[in-house]
Amino acid sequence: MNSKNPQPRITVDLGEKEAEGIYSNLTLISHSPAEFILDFARLVPGLPKSKVHARIIMTPQSAKALLRSLTQNLERFESTHGEIKLAGQQDAGPGIGFHSE
C-alpha cells in the first residue's frame, strides 16, 4: 500500500473464553496444496497419549505470514530476554558439573 491509500484498521474482538487461552506444548502440522493444519496438543510427562485441544486451518499464504510474524517476535523476545534454549541444545555459557567431550 502507498501513502495515498493507507491500510484500513482492523478491529478484533476477543471473547472471554478465548482470552483464557489454551496451553499447548506440542504442535502437529500437516498440509495439502490448499491448506495447512495446525493441531495444538498437550503432552503430559509419563502419559503415552495426548489430546488435541485446538485445530487451526490456514491457507499457505496465511501460514507463511504466521511464520514471518513468529520469527520477528522471537527475534525481539530473544534480544530482550536472551536466547531460547530447546531441549537437547548445548549450553553456550559456562556450566556447573561435568561435561562430556
PDB file of N, CA and C in Angstrom:
ATOM      1  N   MET A   1       0.837  -1.185   0.000  1.00  0.00           N
ATOM      2  CA  MET A   1       0.000   0.000   0.000  1.00  0.00           C
ATOM      3  C   MET A   1       0.880   1.248   0.000  1.00  0.00           C
ATOM      4  N   ASN A   2       0.419   2.267  -0.661  1.00  0.00           N
ATOM      5  CA  ASN A   2       1.173   3.514  -0.660  1.00  0.00           C
ATOM      6  C   ASN A   2       0.519   4.511   0.285  1.00  0.00           C
ATOM      7  N   SER A   3       1.125   5.694   0.421  1.00  0.00           N
ATOM      8  CA  SER A   3       0.624   6.678   1.375  1.00  0.00           C
ATOM      9  C   SER A   3      -0.710   7.276   0.957  1.00  0.00           C
ATOM     10  N   LYS A   4      -1.068   7.189  -0.323  1.00  0.00           N
ATOM     11  CA  LYS A   4      -2.356   7.728  -0.776  1.00  0.00           C
ATOM     12  C   LYS A   4      -3.516   6.829  -0.347  1.00  0.00           C
ATOM     13  N   ASN A   5      -3.264   5.537  -0.193  1.00  0.00           N
ATOM     14  CA  ASN A   5      -4.299   4.589   0.212  1.00  0.00           C
ATOM     15  C   ASN A   5      -3.845   3.842   1.466  1.00  0.00           C
ATOM     16  N   PRO A   6      -3.949   4.476   2.645  1.00  0.00           N
ATOM     17  CA  PRO A   6      -3.490   3.805   3.857  1.00  0.00           C
ATOM     18  C   PRO A   6      -4.318   2.542   4.117  1.00  0.00           C
ATOM     19  N   GLN A   7      -3.654   1.558   4.722  1.00  0.00           N
ATOM     20  CA  GLN A   7      -4.324   0.296   5.022  1.00  0.00           C
ATOM     21  C   GLN A   7      -5.385   0.532   6.094  1.00  0.00           C
ATOM     22  N   PRO A   8      -6.606   0.000   5.885  1.00  0.00           N
ATOM     23  CA  PRO A   8      -7.661   0.220   6.894  1.00  0.00           C
ATOM     24  C   PRO A   8      -7.347  -0.532   8.181  1.00  0.00           C
ATOM     25  N   ARG A   9      -7.785   0.020   9.297  1.00  0.00           N
ATOM     26  CA  ARG A   9      -7.590  -0.621  10.593  1.00  0.00           C
ATOM     27  C   ARG A   9      -8.589  -1.760  10.738  1.00  0.00           C
ATOM     28  N   ILE A  10      -8.139  -2.819  11.397  1.00  0.00           N
ATOM     29  CA  ILE A  10      -8.996  -3.972  11.649  1.00  0.00           C
ATOM     30  C   ILE A  10      -9.257  -4.048  13.138  1.00  0.00           C
ATOM     31  N   THR A  11     -10.507  -4.217  13.507  1.00  0.00           N
ATOM     32  CA  THR A  11     -10.884  -4.386  14.895  1.00  0.00           C
ATOM     33  C   THR A  11     -11.087  -5.871  15.151  1.00  0.00           C
ATOM     34  N   VAL A  12     -10.479  -6.380  16.213  1.00  0.00           N
ATOM     35  CA  VAL A  12     -10.584  -7.791  16.555  1.00  0.00           C
ATOM     36  C   VAL A  12     -11.221  -7.906  17.935  1.00  0.00           C
ATOM     37  N   ASP A  13     -12.310  -8.674  18.018  1.00  0.00           N
ATOM     38  CA  ASP A  13     -12.953  -8.923  19.305  1.00  0.00           C
ATOM     39  C   ASP A  13     -12.359 -10.188  19.915  1.00  0.00           C
ATOM     40  N   LEU A  14     -12.093 -10.151  21.207  1.00  0.00           N
ATOM     41  CA  LEU A  14     -11.564 -11.298  21.934  1.00  0.00           C
ATOM     42  C   LEU A  14     -12.557 -11.674  23.016  1.00  0.00           C
ATOM     43  N   GLY A  15     -13.221 -12.806  22.831  1.00  0.00           N
ATOM     44  CA  GLY A  15     -14.222 -13.257  23.797  1.00  0.00           C
ATOM     45  C   GLY A  15     -13.579 -13.692  25.098  1.00  0.00           C
ATOM     46  N   GLU A  16     -14.387 -13.763  26.142  1.00  0.00           N
ATOM     47  CA  GLU A  16     -13.885 -14.122  27.474  1.00  0.00           C
ATOM     48  C   GLU A  16     -13.287 -15.526  27.471  1.00  0.00           C
ATOM     49  N   LYS A  17     -13.960 -16.482  26.845  1.00  0.00           N
ATOM     50  CA  LYS A  17     -13.453 -17.863  26.801  1.00  0.00           C
ATOM     51  C   LYS A  17     -12.136 -17.923  26.040  1.00  0.00           C
ATOM     52  N   GLU A  18     -12.048 -17.256  24.898  1.00  0.00           N
ATOM     53  CA  GLU A  18     -10.829 -17.253  24.093  1.00  0.00           C
ATOM     54  C   GLU A  18      -9.688 -16.534  24.801  1.00  0.00           C
ATOM     55  N   ALA A  19      -9.999 -15.523  25.595  1.00  0.00           N
ATOM     56  CA  ALA A  19      -8.978 -14.765  26.319  1.00  0.00           C
ATOM     57  C   ALA A  19      -8.272 -15.622  27.369  1.00  0.00           C
ATOM     58  N   GLU A  20      -8.938 -16.686  27.845  1.00  0.00           N
ATOM     59  CA  GLU A  20      -8.307 -17.586  28.807  1.00  0.00           C
ATOM     60  C   GLU A  20      -7.153 -18.344  28.171  1.00  0.00           C
ATOM     61  N   GLY A  21      -7.250 -18.607  26.874  1.00  0.00           N
ATOM     62  CA  GLY A  21      -6.199 -19.305  26.159  1.00  0.00           C
ATOM     63  C   GLY A  21      -6.234 -20.805  26.392  1.00  0.00           C
ATOM     64  N   ILE A  22      -5.448 -21.510  25.606  1.00  0.00           N
ATOM     65  CA  ILE A  22      -5.311 -22.958  25.718  1.00  0.00           C
ATOM     66  C   ILE A  22      -3.822 -23.254  25.766  1.00  0.00           C
ATOM     67  N   TYR A  23      -3.387 -23.978  26.800  1.00  0.00           N
ATOM     68  CA  TYR A  23      -1.982 -24.331  26.912  1.00  0.00           C
ATOM     69  C   TYR A  23      -1.669 -25.477  25.954  1.00  0.00           C
ATOM     70  N   SER A  24      -0.563 -25.350  25.226  1.00  0.00           N
ATOM     71  CA  SER A  24      -0.115 -26.393  24.322  1.00  0.00           C
ATOM     72  C   SER A  24       1.403 -26.483  24.386  1.00  0.00           C
ATOM     73  N   ASN A  25       1.922 -27.719  24.474  1.00  0.00           N
ATOM     74  CA  ASN A  25       3.363 -27.912  24.425  1.00  0.00           C
ATOM     75  C   ASN A  25       3.754 -28.870  23.297  1.00  0.00           C
ATOM     76  N   LEU A  26       2.795 -29.127  22.399  1.00  0.00           N
ATOM     77  CA  LEU A  26       3.033 -29.990  21.252  1.00  0.00           C
ATOM     78  C   LEU A  26       2.177 -29.500  20.088  1.00  0.00           C
ATOM     79  N   THR A  27       2.806 -29.276  18.948  1.00  0.00           N
ATOM     80  CA  THR A  27       2.075 -28.862  17.756  1.00  0.00           C
ATOM     81  C   THR A  27       2.349 -29.852  16.644  1.00  0.00           C
ATOM     82  N   LEU A  28       1.288 -30.357  16.050  1.00  0.00           N
ATOM     83  CA  LEU A  28       1.382 -31.268  14.918  1.00  0.00           C
ATOM     84  C   LEU A  28       0.955 -30.493  13.685  1.00  0.00           C
ATOM     85  N   ILE A  29       1.756 -30.532  12.635  1.00  0.00           N
ATOM     86  CA  ILE A  29       1.471 -29.747  11.436  1.00  0.00           C
ATOM     87  C   ILE A  29       1.381 -30.673  10.230  1.00  0.00           C
ATOM     88  N   SER A  30       0.308 -30.538   9.466  1.00  0.00           N
ATOM     89  CA  SER A  30       0.162 -31.257   8.210  1.00  0.00           C
ATOM     90  C   SER A  30      -0.319 -30.260   7.163  1.00  0.00           C
ATOM     91  N   HIS A  31      -0.216 -30.645   5.893  1.00  0.00           N
ATOM     92  CA  HIS A  31      -0.639 -29.717   4.843  1.00  0.00           C
ATOM     93  C   HIS A  31      -1.063 -30.450   3.590  1.00  0.00           C
ATOM     94  N   SER A  32      -1.818 -29.735   2.783  1.00  0.00           N
ATOM     95  CA  SER A  32      -2.217 -30.159   1.448  1.00  0.00           C
ATOM     96  C   SER A  32      -1.849 -28.997   0.526  1.00  0.00           C
ATOM     97  N   PRO A  33      -2.075 -29.109  -0.764  1.00  0.00           N
ATOM     98  CA  PRO A  33      -1.782 -27.970  -1.636  1.00  0.00           C
ATOM     99  C   PRO A  33      -2.600 -26.720  -1.294  1.00  0.00           C
ATOM    100  N   ALA A  34      -3.739 -26.897  -0.610  1.00  0.00           N
ATOM    101  CA  ALA A  34      -4.634 -25.769  -0.361  1.00  0.00           C
ATOM    102  C   ALA A  34      -4.626 -25.245   1.063  1.00  0.00           C
ATOM    103  N   GLU A  35      -4.082 -26.021   2.022  1.00  0.00           N
ATOM    104  CA  GLU A  35      -4.191 -25.590   3.413  1.00  0.00           C
ATOM    105  C   GLU A  35      -3.108 -26.202   4.305  1.00  0.00           C
ATOM    106  N   PHE A  36      -2.862 -25.508   5.415  1.00  0.00           N
ATOM    107  CA  PHE A  36      -2.015 -26.007   6.489  1.00  0.00           C
ATOM    108  C   PHE A  36      -2.924 -26.257   7.686  1.00  0.00           C
ATOM    109  N   ILE A  37      -2.697 -27.362   8.372  1.00  0.00           N
ATOM    110  CA  ILE A  37      -3.478 -27.702   9.553  1.00  0.00           C
ATOM    111  C   ILE A  37      -2.528 -27.761  10.738  1.00  0.00           C
ATOM    112  N   LEU A  38      -2.811 -26.960  11.755  1.00  0.00           N
ATOM    113  CA  LEU A  38      -2.011 -26.925  12.976  1.00  0.00           C
ATOM    114  C   LEU A  38      -2.869 -27.472  14.108  1.00  0.00           C
ATOM    115  N   ASP A  39      -2.456 -28.608  14.666  1.00  0.00           N
ATOM    116  CA  ASP A  39      -3.138 -29.194  15.816  1.00  0.00           C
ATOM    117  C   ASP A  39      -2.315 -28.902  17.057  1.00  0.00           C
ATOM    118  N   PHE A  40      -2.938 -28.259  18.038  1.00  0.00           N
ATOM    119  CA  PHE A  40      -2.269 -27.904  19.285  1.00  0.00           C
ATOM    120  C   PHE A  40      -2.703 -28.890  20.361  1.00  0.00           C
ATOM    121  N   ALA A  41      -1.720 -29.594  20.928  1.00  0.00           N
ATOM    122  CA  ALA A  41      -1.996 -30.631  21.906  1.00  0.00           C
ATOM    123  C   ALA A  41      -1.200 -30.381  23.181  1.00  0.00           C
ATOM    124  N   ARG A  42      -1.519 -31.156  24.184  1.00  0.00           N
ATOM    125  CA  ARG A  42      -0.840 -31.063  25.470  1.00  0.00           C
ATOM    126  C   ARG A  42      -0.277 -32.438  25.782  1.00  0.00           C
ATOM    127  N   LEU A  43       1.037 -32.511  25.930  1.00  0.00           N
ATOM    128  CA  LEU A  43       1.719 -33.754  26.253  1.00  0.00           C
ATOM    129  C   LEU A  43       2.086 -33.729  27.731  1.00  0.00           C
ATOM    130  N   VAL A  44       1.609 -34.732  28.476  1.00  0.00           N
ATOM    131  CA  VAL A  44       1.883 -34.807  29.904  1.00  0.00           C
ATOM    132  C   VAL A  44       2.979 -35.849  30.131  1.00  0.00           C
ATOM    133  N   PRO A  45       4.057 -35.491  30.837  1.00  0.00           N
ATOM    134  CA  PRO A  45       5.132 -36.460  31.089  1.00  0.00           C
ATOM    135  C   PRO A  45       4.599 -37.729  31.739  1.00  0.00           C
ATOM    136  N   GLY A  46       5.061 -38.859  31.225  1.00  0.00           N
ATOM    137  CA  GLY A  46       4.662 -40.143  31.791  1.00  0.00           C
ATOM    138  C   GLY A  46       3.404 -40.737  31.181  1.00  0.00           C
ATOM    139  N   LEU A  47       2.674 -39.970  30.402  1.00  0.00           N
ATOM    140  CA  LEU A  47       1.472 -40.480  29.745  1.00  0.00           C
ATOM    141  C   LEU A  47       1.753 -40.653  28.262  1.00  0.00           C
ATOM    142  N   PRO A  48       1.460 -41.826  27.715  1.00  0.00           N
ATOM    143  CA  PRO A  48       1.784 -42.086  26.304  1.00  0.00           C
ATOM    144  C   PRO A  48       0.783 -41.492  25.318  1.00  0.00           C
ATOM    145  N   LYS A  49      -0.298 -40.891  25.813  1.00  0.00           N
ATOM    146  CA  LYS A  49      -1.348 -40.383  24.939  1.00  0.00           C
ATOM    147  C   LYS A  49      -1.517 -38.873  25.124  1.00  0.00           C
ATOM    148  N   SER A  50      -1.825 -38.208  24.030  1.00  0.00           N
ATOM    149  CA  SER A  50      -2.045 -36.771  24.067  1.00  0.00           C
ATOM    150  C   SER A  50      -3.396 -36.475  23.433  1.00  0.00           C
ATOM    151  N   LYS A  51      -3.926 -35.291  23.698  1.00  0.00           N
ATOM    152  CA  LYS A  51      -5.215 -34.880  23.138  1.00  0.00           C
ATOM    153  C   LYS A  51      -5.046 -33.532  22.444  1.00  0.00           C
ATOM    154  N   VAL A  52      -5.621 -33.406  21.245  1.00  0.00           N
ATOM    155  CA  VAL A  52      -5.635 -32.121  20.543  1.00  0.00           C
ATOM    156  C   VAL A  52      -6.686 -31.241  21.193  1.00  0.00           C
ATOM    157  N   HIS A  53      -6.283 -30.029  21.589  1.00  0.00           N
ATOM    158  CA  HIS A  53      -7.201 -29.092  22.239  1.00  0.00           C
ATOM    159  C   HIS A  53      -7.674 -27.989  21.298  1.00  0.00           C
ATOM    160  N   ALA A  54      -6.956 -27.789  20.194  1.00  0.00           N
ATOM    161  CA  ALA A  54      -7.379 -26.785  19.215  1.00  0.00           C
ATOM    162  C   ALA A  54      -6.793 -27.140  17.858  1.00  0.00           C
ATOM    163  N   ARG A  55      -7.559 -26.890  16.813  1.00  0.00           N
ATOM    164  CA  ARG A  55      -7.100 -27.106  15.438  1.00  0.00           C
ATOM    165  C   ARG A  55      -7.315 -25.797  14.674  1.00  0.00           C
ATOM    166  N   ILE A  56      -6.240 -25.346  14.028  1.00  0.00           N
ATOM    167  CA  ILE A  56      -6.295 -24.136  13.210  1.00  0.00           C
ATOM    168  C   ILE A  56      -5.999 -24.549  11.774  1.00  0.00           C
ATOM    169  N   ILE A  57      -6.872 -24.159  10.846  1.00  0.00           N
ATOM    170  CA  ILE A  57      -6.694 -24.456   9.426  1.00  0.00           C
ATOM    171  C   ILE A  57      -6.438 -23.128   8.716  1.00  0.00           C
ATOM    172  N   MET A  58      -5.337 -23.064   7.963  1.00  0.00           N
ATOM    173  CA  MET A  58      -4.910 -21.818   7.326  1.00  0.00           C
ATOM    174  C   MET A  58      -4.570 -22.049   5.858  1.00  0.00           C
ATOM    175  N   THR A  59      -4.640 -20.986   5.082  1.00  0.00           N
ATOM    176  CA  THR A  59      -4.140 -21.041   3.712  1.00  0.00           C
ATOM    177  C   THR A  59      -2.610 -21.050   3.763  1.00  0.00           C
ATOM    178  N   PRO A  60      -1.938 -21.534   2.713  1.00  0.00           N
ATOM    179  CA  PRO A  60      -0.476 -21.464   2.697  1.00  0.00           C
ATOM    180  C   PRO A  60       0.044 -20.032   2.871  1.00  0.00           C
ATOM    181  N   GLN A  61      -0.650 -19.063   2.299  1.00  0.00           N
ATOM    182  CA  GLN A  61      -0.230 -17.663   2.440  1.00  0.00           C
ATOM    183  C   GLN A  61      -0.326 -17.202   3.891  1.00  0.00           C
ATOM    184  N   SER A  62      -1.396 -17.579   4.574  1.00  0.00           N
ATOM    185  CA  SER A  62      -1.539 -17.201   5.983  1.00  0.00           C
ATOM    186  C   SER A  62      -0.508 -17.911   6.849  1.00  0.00           C
ATOM    187  N   ALA A  63      -0.188 -19.171   6.511  1.00  0.00           N
ATOM    188  CA  ALA A  63       0.829 -19.909   7.261  1.00  0.00           C
ATOM    189  C   ALA A  63       2.194 -19.237   7.109  1.00  0.00           C
ATOM    190  N   LYS A  64       2.512 -18.784   5.906  1.00  0.00           N
ATOM    191  CA  LYS A  64       3.791 -18.113   5.687  1.00  0.00           C
ATOM    192  C   LYS A  64       3.831 -16.773   6.422  1.00  0.00           C
ATOM    193  N   ALA A  65       2.715 -16.046   6.428  1.00  0.00           N
ATOM    194  CA  ALA A  65       2.648 -14.789   7.176  1.00  0.00           C
ATOM    195  C   ALA A  65       2.814 -15.048   8.673  1.00  0.00           C
ATOM    196  N   LEU A  66       2.242 -16.139   9.175  1.00  0.00           N
ATOM    197  CA  LEU A  66       2.408 -16.516  10.584  1.00  0.00           C
ATOM    198  C   LEU A  66       3.866 -16.820  10.886  1.00  0.00           C
ATOM    199  N   LEU A  67       4.526 -17.573   9.990  1.00  0.00           N
ATOM    200  CA  LEU A  67       5.946 -17.876  10.171  1.00  0.00           C
ATOM    201  C   LEU A  67       6.768 -16.594  10.271  1.00  0.00           C
ATOM    202  N   ARG A  68       6.534 -15.655   9.383  1.00  0.00           N
ATOM    203  CA  ARG A  68       7.273 -14.380   9.414  1.00  0.00           C
ATOM    204  C   ARG A  68       7.019 -13.620  10.708  1.00  0.00           C
ATOM    205  N   SER A  69       5.760 -13.578  11.124  1.00  0.00           N
ATOM    206  CA  SER A  69       5.414 -12.862  12.351  1.00  0.00           C
ATOM    207  C   SER A  69       6.042 -13.533  13.578  1.00  0.00           C
ATOM    208  N   LEU A  70       5.992 -14.862  13.634  1.00  0.00           N
ATOM    209  CA  LEU A  70       6.622 -15.576  14.747  1.00  0.00           C
ATOM    210  C   LEU A  70       8.128 -15.348  14.766  1.00  0.00           C
ATOM    211  N   THR A  71       8.758 -15.377  13.596  1.00  0.00           N
ATOM    212  CA  THR A  71      10.207 -15.149  13.508  1.00  0.00           C
ATOM    213  C   THR A  71      10.564 -13.767  14.039  1.00  0.00           C
ATOM    214  N   GLN A  72       9.831 -12.745  13.618  1.00  0.00           N
ATOM    215  CA  GLN A  72      10.098 -11.383  14.087  1.00  0.00           C
ATOM    216  C   GLN A  72       9.900 -11.272  15.594  1.00  0.00           C
ATOM    217  N   ASN A  73       8.827 -11.878  16.101  1.00  0.00           N
ATOM    218  CA  ASN A  73       8.548 -11.789  17.535  1.00  0.00           C
ATOM    219  C   ASN A  73       9.552 -12.580  18.362  1.00  0.00           C
ATOM    220  N   LEU A  74       9.994 -13.736  17.880  1.00  0.00           N
ATOM    221  CA  LEU A  74      11.019 -14.492  18.587  1.00  0.00           C
ATOM    222  C   LEU A  74      12.340 -13.731  18.624  1.00  0.00           C
ATOM    223  N   GLU A  75      12.695 -13.083  17.515  1.00  0.00           N
ATOM    224  CA  GLU A  75      13.923 -12.279  17.490  1.00  0.00           C
ATOM    225  C   GLU A  75      13.845 -11.140  18.499  1.00  0.00           C
ATOM    226  N   ARG A  76      12.693 -10.471  18.581  1.00  0.00           N
ATOM    227  CA  ARG A  76      12.515  -9.385  19.555  1.00  0.00           C
ATOM    228  C   ARG A  76      12.590  -9.924  20.982  1.00  0.00           C
ATOM    229  N   PHE A  77      11.940 -11.061  21.226  1.00  0.00           N
ATOM    230  CA  PHE A  77      11.948 -11.670  22.557  1.00  0.00           C
ATOM    231  C   PHE A  77      13.373 -12.004  22.973  1.00  0.00           C
ATOM    232  N   GLU A  78      14.125 -12.668  22.073  1.00  0.00           N
ATOM    233  CA  GLU A  78      15.489 -13.075  22.411  1.00  0.00           C
ATOM    234  C   GLU A  78      16.423 -11.885  22.568  1.00  0.00           C
ATOM    235  N   SER A  79      16.188 -10.809  21.859  1.00  0.00           N
ATOM    236  CA  SER A  79      17.041  -9.629  22.025  1.00  0.00           C
ATOM    237  C   SER A  79      16.821  -8.994  23.399  1.00  0.00           C
ATOM    238  N   THR A  80      15.642  -9.189  23.975  1.00  0.00           N
ATOM    239  CA  THR A  80      15.339  -8.652  25.298  1.00  0.00           C
ATOM    240  C   THR A  80      15.678  -9.635  26.417  1.00  0.00           C
ATOM    241  N   HIS A  81      15.331 -10.913  26.213  1.00  0.00           N
ATOM    242  CA  HIS A  81      15.413 -11.901  27.290  1.00  0.00           C
ATOM    243  C   HIS A  81      16.505 -12.951  27.116  1.00  0.00           C
ATOM    244  N   GLY A  82      17.218 -12.925  26.010  1.00  0.00           N
ATOM    245  CA  GLY A  82      18.255 -13.926  25.760  1.00  0.00           C
ATOM    246  C   GLY A  82      17.724 -15.077  24.921  1.00  0.00           C
ATOM    247  N   GLU A  83      18.670 -15.899  24.451  1.00  0.00           N
ATOM    248  CA  GLU A  83      18.326 -16.998  23.554  1.00  0.00           C
ATOM    249  C   GLU A  83      17.427 -18.023  24.235  1.00  0.00           C
ATOM    250  N   ILE A  84      16.436 -18.479  23.511  1.00  0.00           N
ATOM    251  CA  ILE A  84      15.556 -19.546  23.989  1.00  0.00           C
ATOM    252  C   ILE A  84      16.244 -20.867  23.678  1.00  0.00           C
ATOM    253  N   LYS A  85      16.491 -21.664  24.703  1.00  0.00           N
ATOM    254  CA  LYS A  85      17.143 -22.957  24.529  1.00  0.00           C
ATOM    255  C   LYS A  85      16.085 -24.020  24.278  1.00  0.00           C
ATOM    256  N   LEU A  86      16.359 -24.893  23.318  1.00  0.00           N
ATOM    257  CA  LEU A  86      15.491 -26.024  23.048  1.00  0.00           C
ATOM    258  C   LEU A  86      16.062 -27.259  23.718  1.00  0.00           C
ATOM    259  N   ALA A  87      15.223 -28.220  24.057  1.00  0.00           N
ATOM    260  CA  ALA A  87      15.673 -29.460  24.678  1.00  0.00           C
ATOM    261  C   ALA A  87      16.725 -30.114  23.795  1.00  0.00           C
ATOM    262  N   GLY A  88      17.829 -30.545  24.406  1.00  0.00           N
ATOM    263  CA  GLY A  88      18.898 -31.185  23.659  1.00  0.00           C
ATOM    264  C   GLY A  88      19.921 -30.217  23.100  1.00  0.00           C
ATOM    265  N   GLN A  89      19.700 -28.931  23.261  1.00  0.00           N
ATOM    266  CA  GLN A  89      20.626 -27.913  22.754  1.00  0.00           C
ATOM    267  C   GLN A  89      21.758 -27.724  23.760  1.00  0.00           C
ATOM    268  N   GLN A  90      22.990 -27.598  23.267  1.00  0.00           N
ATOM    269  CA  GLN A  90      24.136 -27.369  24.140  1.00  0.00           C
ATOM    270  C   GLN A  90      24.066 -25.973  24.735  1.00  0.00           C
ATOM    271  N   ASP A  91      24.439 -25.858  25.994  1.00  0.00           N
ATOM    272  CA  ASP A  91      24.509 -24.561  26.654  1.00  0.00           C
ATOM    273  C   ASP A  91      25.800 -23.868  26.237  1.00  0.00           C
ATOM    274  N   ALA A  92      25.679 -22.667  25.676  1.00  0.00           N
ATOM    275  CA  ALA A  92      26.849 -21.948  25.179  1.00  0.00           C
ATOM    276  C   ALA A  92      27.676 -21.328  26.304  1.00  0.00           C
ATOM    277  N   GLY A  93      27.048 -21.094  27.461  1.00  0.00           N
ATOM    278  CA  GLY A  93      27.743 -20.434  28.554  1.00  0.00           C
ATOM    279  C   GLY A  93      28.415 -21.412  29.485  1.00  0.00           C
ATOM    280  N   PRO A  94      29.148 -20.878  30.486  1.00  0.00           N
ATOM    281  CA  PRO A  94      29.811 -21.748  31.452  1.00  0.00           C
ATOM    282  C   PRO A  94      28.777 -22.501  32.278  1.00  0.00           C
ATOM    283  N   GLY A  95      29.060 -23.752  32.557  1.00  0.00           N
ATOM    284  CA  GLY A  95      28.120 -24.572  33.298  1.00  0.00           C
ATOM    285  C   GLY A  95      28.737 -25.111  34.578  1.00  0.00           C
ATOM    286  N   ILE A  96      27.915 -25.678  35.392  1.00  0.00           N
ATOM    287  CA  ILE A  96      28.381 -26.294  36.632  1.00  0.00           C
ATOM    288  C   ILE A  96      28.227 -27.798  36.460  1.00  0.00           C
ATOM    289  N   GLY A  97      29.237 -28.560  36.852  1.00  0.00           N
ATOM    290  CA  GLY A  97      29.149 -30.004  36.749  1.00  0.00           C
ATOM    291  C   GLY A  97      30.089 -30.536  35.678  1.00  0.00           C
ATOM    292  N   PHE A  98      29.836 -31.763  35.291  1.00  0.00           N
ATOM    293  CA  PHE A  98      30.698 -32.450  34.341  1.00  0.00           C
ATOM    294  C   PHE A  98      30.190 -32.259  32.917  1.00  0.00           C
ATOM    295  N   HIS A  99      31.130 -32.186  31.992  1.00  0.00           N
ATOM    296  CA  HIS A  99      30.793 -32.054  30.578  1.00  0.00           C
ATOM    297  C   HIS A  99      31.509 -33.162  29.808  1.00  0.00           C
ATOM    298  N   SER A 100      30.819 -33.783  28.891  1.00  0.00           N
ATOM    299  CA  SER A 100      31.478 -34.813  28.077  1.00  0.00           C
ATOM    300  C   SER A 100      31.971 -34.190  26.786  1.00  0.00           C
ATOM    301  N   GLU A 101      33.058 -34.707  26.274  1.00  0.00           N
ATOM    302  CA  GLU A 101      33.660 -34.191  25.038  1.00  0.00           C
ATOM    303  C   GLU A 101      33.159 -34.969  23.861  1.00  0.00           C
TER     304      GLU A 101
END
